[in-house]
Structures are given as C-alpha cells and as structure tokens.
C-alpha cells in the first residue's frame, strides 16, 4: 500500500493471489475509494457484492489482506 498522505480521494482495487475460502476468487476482487479524510468505501465484484465503509485503509488491509495474499493497488 502506498502510505502517502493525500488531499484528494483515490481509487483502489484489491488483488488476491490465493482464495482461502473459495468465495471471492483470485485476481481483482473488489474496488473502492479512499476519501481525503482517510475513510474508505469498497464494493466486492463477486456475486455476493456489498458496499462497506471502513474507517481507514489499515482496517481493510487487516481485515481482508489474508496475511499478504490480498494487496491494495491504487489506480490514481
């Protein structure tokens, strides 16, 4: 993850190399935006799609990173 502080929102995606649960698959599995205040909104691209708001990017990484099997990639 890029730790650079930003004053504008940035788009990101989650890229998973290994799917431990068999639910979300591999490759690009979610898309989202990190807002200028640090909060994030993310949606899953699978058939079980949902939109979730997180307090910050660290929460996403800790919750969905699966010990390095899923990475955050910024588009912007």
Protein backbone atom coordinates (compact mmCIF):
# COMPACT_ATOMS: atom_id res chain seq x y z
CA UNK A 1 0.00 0.00 0.00
CA UNK A 2 1.18 3.50 -0.75
CA UNK A 3 1.45 5.31 2.61
CA UNK A 4 1.50 8.76 1.01
CA UNK A 5 -0.91 11.21 2.67
CA UNK A 6 -3.35 12.64 0.17
CA UNK A 7 -5.68 15.62 -0.02
CA UNK A 8 -7.79 14.07 -2.78
CA UNK A 9 -9.72 10.85 -2.96
CA UNK A 10 -8.00 7.88 -4.63
CA UNK A 11 -9.45 4.83 -6.33
CA UNK A 12 -8.12 1.40 -5.44
CA UNK A 13 -8.68 -2.29 -6.02
CA UNK A 14 -8.00 -5.43 -4.03
CA UNK A 15 -5.97 -8.05 -5.87
CA UNK A 16 -5.96 -11.55 -4.37
CA UNK A 17 -3.37 -14.18 -5.28
CA UNK A 18 -4.90 -17.01 -3.23
CA UNK A 19 -8.54 -17.50 -2.20
CA UNK A 20 -8.52 -19.31 1.15
CA UNK A 21 -12.32 -19.52 1.46
CA UNK A 22 -13.33 -20.19 -2.15
CA UNK A 23 -15.80 -17.30 -2.08
CA UNK A 24 -14.23 -14.25 -3.72
CA UNK A 25 -11.81 -15.87 -6.18
CA UNK A 26 -8.46 -14.51 -7.30
CA UNK A 27 -7.38 -11.50 -9.31
CA UNK A 28 -9.23 -8.21 -8.88
CA UNK A 29 -11.91 -8.99 -6.29
CA UNK A 30 -13.01 -5.55 -5.07
CA UNK A 31 -12.91 -1.86 -5.96
CA UNK A 32 -13.07 1.17 -3.77
CA UNK A 33 -12.20 4.73 -2.98
CA UNK A 34 -10.11 6.23 -0.20
CA UNK A 35 -11.54 9.65 0.63
CA UNK A 36 -9.38 12.65 1.54
CA UNK A 37 -10.30 12.21 5.24
CA UNK A 38 -8.93 8.64 5.20
CA UNK A 39 -12.27 6.80 5.23
CA UNK A 40 -12.80 4.17 2.54
CA UNK A 41 -15.77 2.72 0.69
CA UNK A 42 -15.36 -0.64 -1.03
CA UNK A 43 -17.51 -2.99 -3.09
CA UNK A 44 -16.96 -6.67 -3.87
CA UNK A 45 -17.02 -7.73 -7.52
CA UNK A 46 -18.30 -11.27 -6.82
CA UNK A 47 -21.89 -12.48 -6.95
CA UNK A 48 -22.02 -11.69 -3.21
CA UNK A 49 -21.44 -7.98 -3.77
CA UNK A 50 -21.82 -5.47 -0.97
CA UNK A 51 -20.67 -1.94 -0.30
CA UNK A 52 -18.90 -1.30 3.00
CA UNK A 53 -17.44 1.82 4.61
CA UNK A 54 -14.21 1.45 6.59
CA UNK A 55 -12.57 3.95 8.97
CA UNK A 56 -9.27 3.78 7.07
CA UNK A 57 -7.14 1.70 4.72
CA UNK A 58 -5.43 -0.12 7.59
CA UNK A 59 -8.76 -1.68 8.59
CA UNK A 60 -9.22 -3.01 5.03
CA UNK A 61 -5.70 -4.42 4.96
CA UNK A 62 -6.02 -6.07 8.37
CA UNK A 63 -9.49 -7.47 7.63
CA UNK A 64 -9.11 -8.60 4.02
CA UNK A 65 -5.34 -8.85 3.44
CA UNK A 66 -5.16 -12.52 4.46
CA UNK A 67 -1.52 -12.17 5.54
CA UNK A 68 -0.31 -10.81 2.23
CA UNK A 69 -2.48 -12.90 -0.11
CA UNK A 70 -4.51 -9.80 -0.98
CA UNK A 71 -2.90 -6.47 -1.87
CA UNK A 72 -4.27 -2.95 -2.25
CA UNK A 73 -3.39 -1.34 -5.58
CA UNK A 74 -4.17 2.32 -6.23
CA UNK A 75 -5.31 3.40 -9.69
CA UNK A 76 -4.57 7.07 -9.08
